[in-house]
Amino acid sequence: MAAPEPRVRILGGRVVQRAQDGNALPGLVAVLDVRVPPFVLFGCMLYRRRDRAMTLTMPDMKRVDGNSSGIRLEDDELRAEMTRAACDLARMLGANIDAVETAPTGFAELADTLRSRSEAEG
C-alpha cells in the first residue's frame, strides 16, 4: 500500500545568501513555494525569530490600488507542519537551520552571555 501524499509539499524556493554563510542571527532564511491542497502559496517566507525559533509567514500580496491584502493561517498544527517542511528543504539547500550559539545582538544579550559564561567557569 502506497503512503498517503503529505498534506504539505514544498514545490521550490531559494535560501538567502546570509543563511548559507552559517549565519544564525534572526531574519529571513528562505523564500519558498508551498502546496497545501487545494492551494499553492507562492513566496512564503521562512524566518528565524529572535528566540531562534523558525516561523513561516504567508505571502505578502499587494493589490492594484496599492493596499495590502493577505492570507491568515489559523490552524496551528498546519502552520507547524508547513514550518517543518520548509526547514527540511532549507536545510537540504544549505541553510543554517539548527540551533547554534549566535553572536549577541544587543547589550543586554551580551551581558547575559558574559554572565552565564563566567558562572559556568566558576
PDB file of N, CA and C in Angstrom:
ATOM      1  N   MET A   1       0.838  -1.177   0.000  1.00  0.00           N
ATOM      2  CA  MET A   1       0.000   0.000   0.000  1.00  0.00           C
ATOM      3  C   MET A   1       0.890   1.249   0.000  1.00  0.00           C
ATOM      4  N   ALA A   2       0.621   2.165  -0.899  1.00  0.00           N
ATOM      5  CA  ALA A   2       1.417   3.379  -1.007  1.00  0.00           C
ATOM      6  C   ALA A   2       1.116   4.326   0.147  1.00  0.00           C
ATOM      7  N   ALA A   3       2.153   5.032   0.564  1.00  0.00           N
ATOM      8  CA  ALA A   3       1.987   6.011   1.637  1.00  0.00           C
ATOM      9  C   ALA A   3       1.139   7.170   1.130  1.00  0.00           C
ATOM     10  N   PRO A   4       0.303   7.734   1.988  1.00  0.00           N
ATOM     11  CA  PRO A   4      -0.504   8.873   1.551  1.00  0.00           C
ATOM     12  C   PRO A   4       0.378  10.079   1.241  1.00  0.00           C
ATOM     13  N   GLU A   5      -0.075  10.886   0.299  1.00  0.00           N
ATOM     14  CA  GLU A   5       0.665  12.095  -0.057  1.00  0.00           C
ATOM     15  C   GLU A   5       0.665  13.049   1.129  1.00  0.00           C
ATOM     16  N   PRO A   6       1.815  13.664   1.425  1.00  0.00           N
ATOM     17  CA  PRO A   6       1.855  14.595   2.559  1.00  0.00           C
ATOM     18  C   PRO A   6       0.896  15.758   2.342  1.00  0.00           C
ATOM     19  N   ARG A   7       0.372  16.260   3.433  1.00  0.00           N
ATOM     20  CA  ARG A   7      -0.569  17.377   3.367  1.00  0.00           C
ATOM     21  C   ARG A   7       0.124  18.645   2.886  1.00  0.00           C
ATOM     22  N   VAL A   8       1.409  18.792   3.191  1.00  0.00           N
ATOM     23  CA  VAL A   8       2.190  19.965   2.814  1.00  0.00           C
ATOM     24  C   VAL A   8       3.341  19.514   1.922  1.00  0.00           C
ATOM     25  N   ARG A   9       3.529  20.231   0.826  1.00  0.00           N
ATOM     26  CA  ARG A   9       4.640  19.918  -0.074  1.00  0.00           C
ATOM     27  C   ARG A   9       5.313  21.211  -0.490  1.00  0.00           C
ATOM     28  N   ILE A  10       6.620  21.266  -0.352  1.00  0.00           N
ATOM     29  CA  ILE A  10       7.380  22.432  -0.793  1.00  0.00           C
ATOM     30  C   ILE A  10       7.727  22.219  -2.259  1.00  0.00           C
ATOM     31  N   LEU A  11       7.275  23.135  -3.106  1.00  0.00           N
ATOM     32  CA  LEU A  11       7.479  22.994  -4.549  1.00  0.00           C
ATOM     33  C   LEU A  11       8.827  23.525  -4.996  1.00  0.00           C
ATOM     34  N   GLY A  12       9.356  24.483  -4.276  1.00  0.00           N
ATOM     35  CA  GLY A  12      10.627  25.070  -4.649  1.00  0.00           C
ATOM     36  C   GLY A  12      10.887  26.297  -3.815  1.00  0.00           C
ATOM     37  N   GLY A  13      12.030  26.872  -4.032  1.00  0.00           N
ATOM     38  CA  GLY A  13      12.359  28.078  -3.301  1.00  0.00           C
ATOM     39  C   GLY A  13      13.843  28.366  -3.364  1.00  0.00           C
ATOM     40  N   ARG A  14      14.231  29.348  -2.586  1.00  0.00           N
ATOM     41  CA  ARG A  14      15.654  29.698  -2.532  1.00  0.00           C
ATOM     42  C   ARG A  14      16.013  30.125  -1.114  1.00  0.00           C
ATOM     43  N   VAL A  15      17.237  29.796  -0.745  1.00  0.00           N
ATOM     44  CA  VAL A  15      17.778  30.199   0.549  1.00  0.00           C
ATOM     45  C   VAL A  15      18.539  31.492   0.333  1.00  0.00           C
ATOM     46  N   VAL A  16      18.332  32.469   1.193  1.00  0.00           N
ATOM     47  CA  VAL A  16      19.059  33.735   1.057  1.00  0.00           C
ATOM     48  C   VAL A  16      20.521  33.516   1.427  1.00  0.00           C
ATOM     49  N   GLN A  17      21.408  34.300   0.837  1.00  0.00           N
ATOM     50  CA  GLN A  17      22.851  34.114   0.996  1.00  0.00           C
ATOM     51  C   GLN A  17      23.278  34.157   2.460  1.00  0.00           C
ATOM     52  N   ARG A  18      22.710  35.077   3.240  1.00  0.00           N
ATOM     53  CA  ARG A  18      23.138  35.215   4.638  1.00  0.00           C
ATOM     54  C   ARG A  18      22.898  33.944   5.434  1.00  0.00           C
ATOM     55  N   ALA A  19      21.901  33.137   5.058  1.00  0.00           N
ATOM     56  CA  ALA A  19      21.608  31.896   5.770  1.00  0.00           C
ATOM     57  C   ALA A  19      22.535  30.760   5.327  1.00  0.00           C
ATOM     58  N   GLN A  20      23.168  30.898   4.165  1.00  0.00           N
ATOM     59  CA  GLN A  20      24.095  29.879   3.686  1.00  0.00           C
ATOM     60  C   GLN A  20      25.491  30.082   4.241  1.00  0.00           C
ATOM     61  N   ASP A  21      25.752  31.246   4.801  1.00  0.00           N
ATOM     62  CA  ASP A  21      27.080  31.556   5.309  1.00  0.00           C
ATOM     63  C   ASP A  21      27.247  31.184   6.774  1.00  0.00           C
ATOM     64  N   GLY A  22      26.360  30.338   7.303  1.00  0.00           N
ATOM     65  CA  GLY A  22      26.450  29.934   8.693  1.00  0.00           C
ATOM     66  C   GLY A  22      25.853  30.943   9.647  1.00  0.00           C
ATOM     67  N   ASN A  23      25.177  31.937   9.126  1.00  0.00           N
ATOM     68  CA  ASN A  23      24.586  32.983   9.953  1.00  0.00           C
ATOM     69  C   ASN A  23      23.369  32.427  10.677  1.00  0.00           C
ATOM     70  N   ALA A  24      23.354  32.551  11.995  1.00  0.00           N
ATOM     71  CA  ALA A  24      22.225  32.067  12.784  1.00  0.00           C
ATOM     72  C   ALA A  24      21.508  33.220  13.475  1.00  0.00           C
ATOM     73  N   LEU A  25      21.733  34.441  13.002  1.00  0.00           N
ATOM     74  CA  LEU A  25      21.059  35.598  13.585  1.00  0.00           C
ATOM     75  C   LEU A  25      19.616  35.659  13.096  1.00  0.00           C
ATOM     76  N   PRO A  26      18.755  36.367  13.808  1.00  0.00           N
ATOM     77  CA  PRO A  26      17.360  36.480  13.378  1.00  0.00           C
ATOM     78  C   PRO A  26      17.247  37.119  11.997  1.00  0.00           C
ATOM     79  N   GLY A  27      16.240  36.702  11.253  1.00  0.00           N
ATOM     80  CA  GLY A  27      15.981  37.299   9.950  1.00  0.00           C
ATOM     81  C   GLY A  27      15.518  36.274   8.932  1.00  0.00           C
ATOM     82  N   LEU A  28      15.394  36.730   7.705  1.00  0.00           N
ATOM     83  CA  LEU A  28      14.923  35.899   6.602  1.00  0.00           C
ATOM     84  C   LEU A  28      15.930  34.793   6.294  1.00  0.00           C
ATOM     85  N   VAL A  29      15.428  33.568   6.136  1.00  0.00           N
ATOM     86  CA  VAL A  29      16.263  32.417   5.811  1.00  0.00           C
ATOM     87  C   VAL A  29      15.990  31.944   4.380  1.00  0.00           C
ATOM     88  N   ALA A  30      14.717  31.861   4.000  1.00  0.00           N
ATOM     89  CA  ALA A  30      14.394  31.334   2.668  1.00  0.00           C
ATOM     90  C   ALA A  30      13.030  31.849   2.217  1.00  0.00           C
ATOM     91  N   VAL A  31      12.832  31.843   0.909  1.00  0.00           N
ATOM     92  CA  VAL A  31      11.546  32.160   0.296  1.00  0.00           C
ATOM     93  C   VAL A  31      11.126  30.900  -0.456  1.00  0.00           C
ATOM     94  N   LEU A  32       9.916  30.404  -0.163  1.00  0.00           N
ATOM     95  CA  LEU A  32       9.505  29.095  -0.658  1.00  0.00           C
ATOM     96  C   LEU A  32       8.092  29.120  -1.235  1.00  0.00           C
ATOM     97  N   ASP A  33       7.848  28.217  -2.173  1.00  0.00           N
ATOM     98  CA  ASP A  33       6.504  27.994  -2.708  1.00  0.00           C
ATOM     99  C   ASP A  33       5.974  26.717  -2.061  1.00  0.00           C
ATOM    100  N   VAL A  34       4.794  26.815  -1.446  1.00  0.00           N
ATOM    101  CA  VAL A  34       4.254  25.726  -0.643  1.00  0.00           C
ATOM    102  C   VAL A  34       2.898  25.292  -1.197  1.00  0.00           C
ATOM    103  N   ARG A  35       2.739  23.983  -1.362  1.00  0.00           N
ATOM    104  CA  ARG A  35       1.451  23.434  -1.809  1.00  0.00           C
ATOM    105  C   ARG A  35       0.735  22.835  -0.611  1.00  0.00           C
ATOM    106  N   VAL A  36      -0.446  23.354  -0.346  1.00  0.00           N
ATOM    107  CA  VAL A  36      -1.342  22.836   0.685  1.00  0.00           C
ATOM    108  C   VAL A  36      -2.690  22.720  -0.011  1.00  0.00           C
ATOM    109  N   PRO A  37      -3.000  21.515  -0.531  1.00  0.00           N
ATOM    110  CA  PRO A  37      -4.225  21.390  -1.326  1.00  0.00           C
ATOM    111  C   PRO A  37      -5.442  21.962  -0.611  1.00  0.00           C
ATOM    112  N   PRO A  38      -6.230  22.733  -1.306  1.00  0.00           N
ATOM    113  CA  PRO A  38      -6.235  22.974  -2.746  1.00  0.00           C
ATOM    114  C   PRO A  38      -5.467  24.228  -3.151  1.00  0.00           C
ATOM    115  N   PHE A  39      -4.558  24.724  -2.319  1.00  0.00           N
ATOM    116  CA  PHE A  39      -3.861  25.981  -2.605  1.00  0.00           C
ATOM    117  C   PHE A  39      -2.390  25.762  -2.884  1.00  0.00           C
ATOM    118  N   VAL A  40      -1.813  26.675  -3.672  1.00  0.00           N
ATOM    119  CA  VAL A  40      -0.367  26.807  -3.812  1.00  0.00           C
ATOM    120  C   VAL A  40      -0.048  28.232  -3.396  1.00  0.00           C
ATOM    121  N   LEU A  41       0.821  28.362  -2.421  1.00  0.00           N
ATOM    122  CA  LEU A  41       1.187  29.674  -1.873  1.00  0.00           C
ATOM    123  C   LEU A  41       2.586  30.024  -2.363  1.00  0.00           C
ATOM    124  N   PHE A  42       2.677  31.027  -3.231  1.00  0.00           N
ATOM    125  CA  PHE A  42       3.956  31.430  -3.798  1.00  0.00           C
ATOM    126  C   PHE A  42       4.564  32.529  -2.935  1.00  0.00           C
ATOM    127  N   GLY A  43       5.809  32.337  -2.522  1.00  0.00           N
ATOM    128  CA  GLY A  43       6.520  33.381  -1.794  1.00  0.00           C
ATOM    129  C   GLY A  43       6.329  33.357  -0.289  1.00  0.00           C
ATOM    130  N   CYS A  44       6.120  32.187   0.299  1.00  0.00           N
ATOM    131  CA  CYS A  44       6.106  32.101   1.763  1.00  0.00           C
ATOM    132  C   CYS A  44       7.530  32.363   2.254  1.00  0.00           C
ATOM    133  N   MET A  45       7.660  32.996   3.405  1.00  0.00           N
ATOM    134  CA  MET A  45       8.982  33.359   3.904  1.00  0.00           C
ATOM    135  C   MET A  45       9.282  32.651   5.216  1.00  0.00           C
ATOM    136  N   LEU A  46      10.431  31.984   5.244  1.00  0.00           N
ATOM    137  CA  LEU A  46      10.895  31.289   6.439  1.00  0.00           C
ATOM    138  C   LEU A  46      11.841  32.225   7.182  1.00  0.00           C
ATOM    139  N   TYR A  47      11.500  32.523   8.428  1.00  0.00           N
ATOM    140  CA  TYR A  47      12.291  33.435   9.262  1.00  0.00           C
ATOM    141  C   TYR A  47      12.803  32.734  10.508  1.00  0.00           C
ATOM    142  N   ARG A  48      13.962  33.181  10.975  1.00  0.00           N
ATOM    143  CA  ARG A  48      14.431  32.819  12.308  1.00  0.00           C
ATOM    144  C   ARG A  48      14.089  33.998  13.214  1.00  0.00           C
ATOM    145  N   ARG A  49      13.334  33.710  14.267  1.00  0.00           N
ATOM    146  CA  ARG A  49      12.939  34.763  15.208  1.00  0.00           C
ATOM    147  C   ARG A  49      14.075  35.032  16.200  1.00  0.00           C
ATOM    148  N   ARG A  50      13.923  36.090  16.978  1.00  0.00           N
ATOM    149  CA  ARG A  50      14.937  36.432  17.985  1.00  0.00           C
ATOM    150  C   ARG A  50      15.149  35.315  19.006  1.00  0.00           C
ATOM    151  N   ASP A  51      14.107  34.537  19.287  1.00  0.00           N
ATOM    152  CA  ASP A  51      14.251  33.428  20.237  1.00  0.00           C
ATOM    153  C   ASP A  51      14.801  32.176  19.559  1.00  0.00           C
ATOM    154  N   ARG A  52      15.249  32.321  18.311  1.00  0.00           N
ATOM    155  CA  ARG A  52      15.870  31.288  17.477  1.00  0.00           C
ATOM    156  C   ARG A  52      14.884  30.262  16.933  1.00  0.00           C
ATOM    157  N   ALA A  53      13.608  30.413  17.232  1.00  0.00           N
ATOM    158  CA  ALA A  53      12.598  29.526  16.657  1.00  0.00           C
ATOM    159  C   ALA A  53      12.380  29.912  15.199  1.00  0.00           C
ATOM    160  N   MET A  54      12.008  28.937  14.394  1.00  0.00           N
ATOM    161  CA  MET A  54      11.738  29.190  12.986  1.00  0.00           C
ATOM    162  C   MET A  54      10.238  29.393  12.815  1.00  0.00           C
ATOM    163  N   THR A  55       9.867  30.271  11.900  1.00  0.00           N
ATOM    164  CA  THR A  55       8.460  30.516  11.607  1.00  0.00           C
ATOM    165  C   THR A  55       8.286  30.767  10.112  1.00  0.00           C
ATOM    166  N   LEU A  56       7.173  30.330   9.588  1.00  0.00           N
ATOM    167  CA  LEU A  56       6.867  30.507   8.173  1.00  0.00           C
ATOM    168  C   LEU A  56       5.719  31.494   8.052  1.00  0.00           C
ATOM    169  N   THR A  57       5.907  32.528   7.253  1.00  0.00           N
ATOM    170  CA  THR A  57       4.855  33.519   7.059  1.00  0.00           C
ATOM    171  C   THR A  57       4.193  33.303   5.707  1.00  0.00           C
ATOM    172  N   MET A  58       2.952  33.717   5.630  1.00  0.00           N
ATOM    173  CA  MET A  58       2.213  33.629   4.381  1.00  0.00           C
ATOM    174  C   MET A  58       2.714  34.712   3.421  1.00  0.00           C
ATOM    175  N   PRO A  59       2.475  34.536   2.128  1.00  0.00           N
ATOM    176  CA  PRO A  59       2.944  35.525   1.147  1.00  0.00           C
ATOM    177  C   PRO A  59       2.293  36.890   1.347  1.00  0.00           C
ATOM    178  N   ASP A  60       3.067  37.936   1.069  1.00  0.00           N
ATOM    179  CA  ASP A  60       2.526  39.293   1.039  1.00  0.00           C
ATOM    180  C   ASP A  60       1.839  39.489  -0.300  1.00  0.00           C
ATOM    181  N   MET A  61       0.722  40.172  -0.275  1.00  0.00           N
ATOM    182  CA  MET A  61       0.014  40.430  -1.528  1.00  0.00           C
ATOM    183  C   MET A  61      -0.300  41.916  -1.620  1.00  0.00           C
ATOM    184  N   LYS A  62       0.065  42.509  -2.718  1.00  0.00           N
ATOM    185  CA  LYS A  62      -0.242  43.910  -2.976  1.00  0.00           C
ATOM    186  C   LYS A  62      -1.312  43.976  -4.055  1.00  0.00           C
ATOM    187  N   ARG A  63      -2.347  44.732  -3.767  1.00  0.00           N
ATOM    188  CA  ARG A  63      -3.405  44.899  -4.766  1.00  0.00           C
ATOM    189  C   ARG A  63      -3.032  46.007  -5.732  1.00  0.00           C
ATOM    190  N   VAL A  64      -3.760  46.085  -6.821  1.00  0.00           N
ATOM    191  CA  VAL A  64      -3.503  47.091  -7.848  1.00  0.00           C
ATOM    192  C   VAL A  64      -3.630  48.498  -7.281  1.00  0.00           C
ATOM    193  N   ASP A  65      -4.535  48.685  -6.316  1.00  0.00           N
ATOM    194  CA  ASP A  65      -4.729  50.019  -5.751  1.00  0.00           C
ATOM    195  C   ASP A  65      -3.686  50.361  -4.686  1.00  0.00           C
ATOM    196  N   GLY A  66      -2.686  49.461  -4.474  1.00  0.00           N
ATOM    197  CA  GLY A  66      -1.612  49.745  -3.538  1.00  0.00           C
ATOM    198  C   GLY A  66      -1.864  49.261  -2.123  1.00  0.00           C
ATOM    199  N   ASN A  67      -3.098  48.872  -1.819  1.00  0.00           N
ATOM    200  CA  ASN A  67      -3.399  48.354  -0.485  1.00  0.00           C
ATOM    201  C   ASN A  67      -2.929  46.914  -0.369  1.00  0.00           C
ATOM    202  N   SER A  68      -2.642  46.520   0.840  1.00  0.00           N
ATOM    203  CA  SER A  68      -2.214  45.141   1.076  1.00  0.00           C
ATOM    204  C   SER A  68      -3.411  44.271   1.412  1.00  0.00           C
ATOM    205  N   SER A  69      -3.316  43.031   1.026  1.00  0.00           N
ATOM    206  CA  SER A  69      -4.273  42.028   1.458  1.00  0.00           C
ATOM    207  C   SER A  69      -3.443  40.787   1.756  1.00  0.00           C
ATOM    208  N   GLY A  70      -4.052  39.768   2.290  1.00  0.00           N
ATOM    209  CA  GLY A  70      -3.236  38.613   2.610  1.00  0.00           C
ATOM    210  C   GLY A  70      -4.048  37.421   3.051  1.00  0.00           C
ATOM    211  N   ILE A  71      -3.312  36.433   3.516  1.00  0.00           N
ATOM    212  CA  ILE A  71      -3.879  35.181   3.988  1.00  0.00           C
ATOM    213  C   ILE A  71      -3.465  35.020   5.440  1.00  0.00           C
ATOM    214  N   ARG A  72      -4.400  34.615   6.278  1.00  0.00           N
ATOM    215  CA  ARG A  72      -4.076  34.316   7.670  1.00  0.00           C
ATOM    216  C   ARG A  72      -4.328  32.834   7.883  1.00  0.00           C
ATOM    217  N   LEU A  73      -3.337  32.144   8.386  1.00  0.00           N
ATOM    218  CA  LEU A  73      -3.456  30.726   8.680  1.00  0.00           C
ATOM    219  C   LEU A  73      -3.773  30.570  10.160  1.00  0.00           C
ATOM    220  N   GLU A  74      -4.937  30.032  10.458  1.00  0.00           N
ATOM    221  CA  GLU A  74      -5.373  29.916  11.843  1.00  0.00           C
ATOM    222  C   GLU A  74      -5.237  28.503  12.396  1.00  0.00           C
ATOM    223  N   ASP A  75      -4.733  27.580  11.614  1.00  0.00           N
ATOM    224  CA  ASP A  75      -4.548  26.204  12.049  1.00  0.00           C
ATOM    225  C   ASP A  75      -3.094  26.035  12.503  1.00  0.00           C
ATOM    226  N   ASP A  76      -2.874  26.021  13.823  1.00  0.00           N
ATOM    227  CA  ASP A  76      -1.512  25.950  14.361  1.00  0.00           C
ATOM    228  C   ASP A  76      -0.800  24.659  13.970  1.00  0.00           C
ATOM    229  N   GLU A  77      -1.544  23.558  13.913  1.00  0.00           N
ATOM    230  CA  GLU A  77      -0.948  22.279  13.532  1.00  0.00           C
ATOM    231  C   GLU A  77      -0.466  22.329  12.081  1.00  0.00           C
ATOM    232  N   LEU A  78      -1.267  22.904  11.205  1.00  0.00           N
ATOM    233  CA  LEU A  78      -0.871  23.023   9.802  1.00  0.00           C
ATOM    234  C   LEU A  78       0.318  23.972   9.669  1.00  0.00           C
ATOM    235  N   ARG A  79       0.310  25.077  10.401  1.00  0.00           N
ATOM    236  CA  ARG A  79       1.451  26.016  10.353  1.00  0.00           C
ATOM    237  C   ARG A  79       2.727  25.304  10.797  1.00  0.00           C
ATOM    238  N   ALA A  80       2.652  24.495  11.856  1.00  0.00           N
ATOM    239  CA  ALA A  80       3.831  23.774  12.335  1.00  0.00           C
ATOM    240  C   ALA A  80       4.315  22.778  11.280  1.00  0.00           C
ATOM    241  N   GLU A  81       3.385  22.098  10.635  1.00  0.00           N
ATOM    242  CA  GLU A  81       3.742  21.140   9.579  1.00  0.00           C
ATOM    243  C   GLU A  81       4.401  21.857   8.398  1.00  0.00           C
ATOM    244  N   MET A  82       3.862  23.006   8.024  1.00  0.00           N
ATOM    245  CA  MET A  82       4.446  23.797   6.942  1.00  0.00           C
ATOM    246  C   MET A  82       5.850  24.279   7.310  1.00  0.00           C
ATOM    247  N   THR A  83       6.013  24.729   8.547  1.00  0.00           N
ATOM    248  CA  THR A  83       7.317  25.217   9.003  1.00  0.00           C
ATOM    249  C   THR A  83       8.339  24.093   9.016  1.00  0.00           C
ATOM    250  N   ARG A  84       7.958  22.904   9.486  1.00  0.00           N
ATOM    251  CA  ARG A  84       8.880  21.755   9.483  1.00  0.00           C
ATOM    252  C   ARG A  84       9.313  21.411   8.057  1.00  0.00           C
ATOM    253  N   ALA A  85       8.356  21.371   7.131  1.00  0.00           N
ATOM    254  CA  ALA A  85       8.684  21.062   5.738  1.00  0.00           C
ATOM    255  C   ALA A  85       9.604  22.121   5.146  1.00  0.00           C
ATOM    256  N   ALA A  86       9.338  23.387   5.452  1.00  0.00           N
ATOM    257  CA  ALA A  86      10.175  24.479   4.952  1.00  0.00           C
ATOM    258  C   ALA A  86      11.587  24.381   5.528  1.00  0.00           C
ATOM    259  N   CYS A  87      11.699  24.081   6.807  1.00  0.00           N
ATOM    260  CA  CYS A  87      13.010  23.931   7.443  1.00  0.00           C
ATOM    261  C   CYS A  87      13.785  22.770   6.832  1.00  0.00           C
ATOM    262  N   ASP A  88      13.111  21.661   6.592  1.00  0.00           N
ATOM    263  CA  ASP A  88      13.770  20.495   5.994  1.00  0.00           C
ATOM    264  C   ASP A  88      14.354  20.834   4.628  1.00  0.00           C
ATOM    265  N   LEU A  89      13.559  21.510   3.783  1.00  0.00           N
ATOM    266  CA  LEU A  89      14.063  21.862   2.462  1.00  0.00           C
ATOM    267  C   LEU A  89      15.185  22.890   2.557  1.00  0.00           C
ATOM    268  N   ALA A  90      15.011  23.907   3.394  1.00  0.00           N
ATOM    269  CA  ALA A  90      16.047  24.935   3.530  1.00  0.00           C
ATOM    270  C   ALA A  90      17.353  24.303   4.018  1.00  0.00           C
ATOM    271  N   ARG A  91      17.268  23.359   4.932  1.00  0.00           N
ATOM    272  CA  ARG A  91      18.460  22.661   5.436  1.00  0.00           C
ATOM    273  C   ARG A  91      19.134  21.892   4.290  1.00  0.00           C
ATOM    274  N   MET A  92      18.325  21.217   3.457  1.00  0.00           N
ATOM    275  CA  MET A  92      18.892  20.473   2.316  1.00  0.00           C
ATOM    276  C   MET A  92      19.558  21.409   1.316  1.00  0.00           C
ATOM    277  N   LEU A  93      19.066  22.648   1.237  1.00  0.00           N
ATOM    278  CA  LEU A  93      19.639  23.629   0.305  1.00  0.00           C
ATOM    279  C   LEU A  93      20.823  24.381   0.905  1.00  0.00           C
ATOM    280  N   GLY A  94      21.206  24.007   2.125  1.00  0.00           N
ATOM    281  CA  GLY A  94      22.410  24.588   2.711  1.00  0.00           C
ATOM    282  C   GLY A  94      22.193  25.679   3.741  1.00  0.00           C
ATOM    283  N   ALA A  95      20.959  25.920   4.142  1.00  0.00           N
ATOM    284  CA  ALA A  95      20.706  26.965   5.138  1.00  0.00           C
ATOM    285  C   ALA A  95      21.074  26.468   6.532  1.00  0.00           C
ATOM    286  N   ASN A  96      21.497  27.390   7.372  1.00  0.00           N
ATOM    287  CA  ASN A  96      21.778  27.091   8.767  1.00  0.00           C
ATOM    288  C   ASN A  96      20.455  27.163   9.523  1.00  0.00           C
ATOM    289  N   ILE A  97      19.852  26.012   9.806  1.00  0.00           N
ATOM    290  CA  ILE A  97      18.542  25.945  10.442  1.00  0.00           C
ATOM    291  C   ILE A  97      18.646  25.542  11.901  1.00  0.00           C
ATOM    292  N   ASP A  98      19.546  24.626  12.198  1.00  0.00           N
ATOM    293  CA  ASP A  98      19.623  24.065  13.535  1.00  0.00           C
ATOM    294  C   ASP A  98      20.133  25.095  14.535  1.00  0.00           C
ATOM    295  N   ALA A  99      19.660  24.970  15.754  1.00  0.00           N
ATOM    296  CA  ALA A  99      20.025  25.922  16.804  1.00  0.00           C
ATOM    297  C   ALA A  99      21.529  25.862  17.070  1.00  0.00           C
ATOM    298  N   VAL A 100      22.146  27.018  17.034  1.00  0.00           N
ATOM    299  CA  VAL A 100      23.567  27.144  17.359  1.00  0.00           C
ATOM    300  C   VAL A 100      23.731  28.399  18.189  1.00  0.00           C
ATOM    301  N   GLU A 101      24.853  28.506  18.871  1.00  0.00           N
ATOM    302  CA  GLU A 101      25.097  29.721  19.630  1.00  0.00           C
ATOM    303  C   GLU A 101      25.357  30.850  18.635  1.00  0.00           C
ATOM    304  N   THR A 102      24.763  31.980  18.871  1.00  0.00           N
ATOM    305  CA  THR A 102      24.913  33.099  17.947  1.00  0.00           C
ATOM    306  C   THR A 102      25.613  34.248  18.638  1.00  0.00           C
ATOM    307  N   ALA A 103      26.106  35.155  17.852  1.00  0.00           N
ATOM    308  CA  ALA A 103      26.710  36.357  18.408  1.00  0.00           C
ATOM    309  C   ALA A 103      25.624  37.196  19.064  1.00  0.00           C
ATOM    310  N   PRO A 104      25.911  37.814  20.184  1.00  0.00           N
ATOM    311  CA  PRO A 104      24.916  38.671  20.836  1.00  0.00           C
ATOM    312  C   PRO A 104      24.509  39.812  19.915  1.00  0.00           C
ATOM    313  N   THR A 105      23.238  40.201  19.978  1.00  0.00           N
ATOM    314  CA  THR A 105      22.746  41.257  19.101  1.00  0.00           C
ATOM    315  C   THR A 105      22.560  42.579  19.830  1.00  0.00           C
ATOM    316  N   GLY A 106      22.684  42.593  21.119  1.00  0.00           N
ATOM    317  CA  GLY A 106      22.499  43.839  21.861  1.00  0.00           C
ATOM    318  C   GLY A 106      23.213  43.776  23.191  1.00  0.00           C
ATOM    319  N   PHE A 107      23.267  44.906  23.879  1.00  0.00           N
ATOM    320  CA  PHE A 107      23.994  44.987  25.136  1.00  0.00           C
ATOM    321  C   PHE A 107      23.437  44.028  26.181  1.00  0.00           C
ATOM    322  N   ALA A 108      22.114  43.958  26.310  1.00  0.00           N
ATOM    323  CA  ALA A 108      21.515  43.086  27.323  1.00  0.00           C
ATOM    324  C   ALA A 108      21.851  41.623  27.044  1.00  0.00           C
ATOM    325  N   GLU A 109      21.789  41.229  25.775  1.00  0.00           N
ATOM    326  CA  GLU A 109      22.118  39.841  25.436  1.00  0.00           C
ATOM    327  C   GLU A 109      23.603  39.575  25.654  1.00  0.00           C
ATOM    328  N   LEU A 110      24.457  40.549  25.349  1.00  0.00           N
ATOM    329  CA  LEU A 110      25.888  40.406  25.590  1.00  0.00           C
ATOM    330  C   LEU A 110      26.153  40.237  27.081  1.00  0.00           C
ATOM    331  N   ALA A 111      25.510  41.054  27.911  1.00  0.00           N
ATOM    332  CA  ALA A 111      25.681  40.956  29.358  1.00  0.00           C
ATOM    333  C   ALA A 111      25.234  39.584  29.867  1.00  0.00           C
ATOM    334  N   ASP A 112      24.104  39.092  29.383  1.00  0.00           N
ATOM    335  CA  ASP A 112      23.618  37.777  29.791  1.00  0.00           C
ATOM    336  C   ASP A 112      24.588  36.671  29.376  1.00  0.00           C
ATOM    337  N   THR A 113      25.110  36.781  28.160  1.00  0.00           N
ATOM    338  CA  THR A 113      26.050  35.784  27.663  1.00  0.00           C
ATOM    339  C   THR A 113      27.315  35.766  28.508  1.00  0.00           C
ATOM    340  N   LEU A 114      27.874  36.943  28.790  1.00  0.00           N
ATOM    341  CA  LEU A 114      29.092  37.025  29.595  1.00  0.00           C
ATOM    342  C   LEU A 114      28.852  36.522  31.014  1.00  0.00           C
ATOM    343  N   ARG A 115      27.692  36.855  31.581  1.00  0.00           N
ATOM    344  CA  ARG A 115      27.357  36.419  32.941  1.00  0.00           C
ATOM    345  C   ARG A 115      27.262  34.894  32.997  1.00  0.00           C
ATOM    346  N   SER A 116      26.566  34.300  32.032  1.00  0.00           N
ATOM    347  CA  SER A 116      26.401  32.850  32.047  1.00  0.00           C
ATOM    348  C   SER A 116      27.741  32.138  31.814  1.00  0.00           C
ATOM    349  N   ARG A 117      28.594  32.701  31.008  1.00  0.00           N
ATOM    350  CA  ARG A 117      29.925  32.095  30.778  1.00  0.00           C
ATOM    351  C   ARG A 117      30.763  32.172  32.039  1.00  0.00           C
ATOM    352  N   SER A 118      30.742  33.319  32.729  1.00  0.00           N
ATOM    353  CA  SER A 118      31.547  33.448  33.948  1.00  0.00           C
ATOM    354  C   SER A 118      31.040  32.531  35.050  1.00  0.00           C
ATOM    355  N   GLU A 119      29.705  32.346  35.140  1.00  0.00           N
ATOM    356  CA  GLU A 119      29.135  31.432  36.126  1.00  0.00           C
ATOM    357  C   GLU A 119      29.536  29.991  35.811  1.00  0.00           C
ATOM    358  N   ALA A 120      29.595  29.648  34.530  1.00  0.00           N
ATOM    359  CA  ALA A 120      29.951  28.295  34.132  1.00  0.00           C
ATOM    360  C   ALA A 120      31.433  28.007  34.433  1.00  0.00           C
ATOM    361  N   GLU A 121      32.263  29.036  34.346  1.00  0.00           N
ATOM    362  CA  GLU A 121      33.691  28.875  34.601  1.00  0.00           C
ATOM    363  C   GLU A 121      34.001  28.819  36.085  1.00  0.00           C
ATOM    364  N   GLY A 122      33.061  29.252  36.895  1.00  0.00           N
ATOM    365  CA  GLY A 122      33.195  29.057  38.311  1.00  0.00           C
ATOM    366  C   GLY A 122      33.504  30.174  39.163  1.00  0.00           C
TER     367      GLY A 122
END
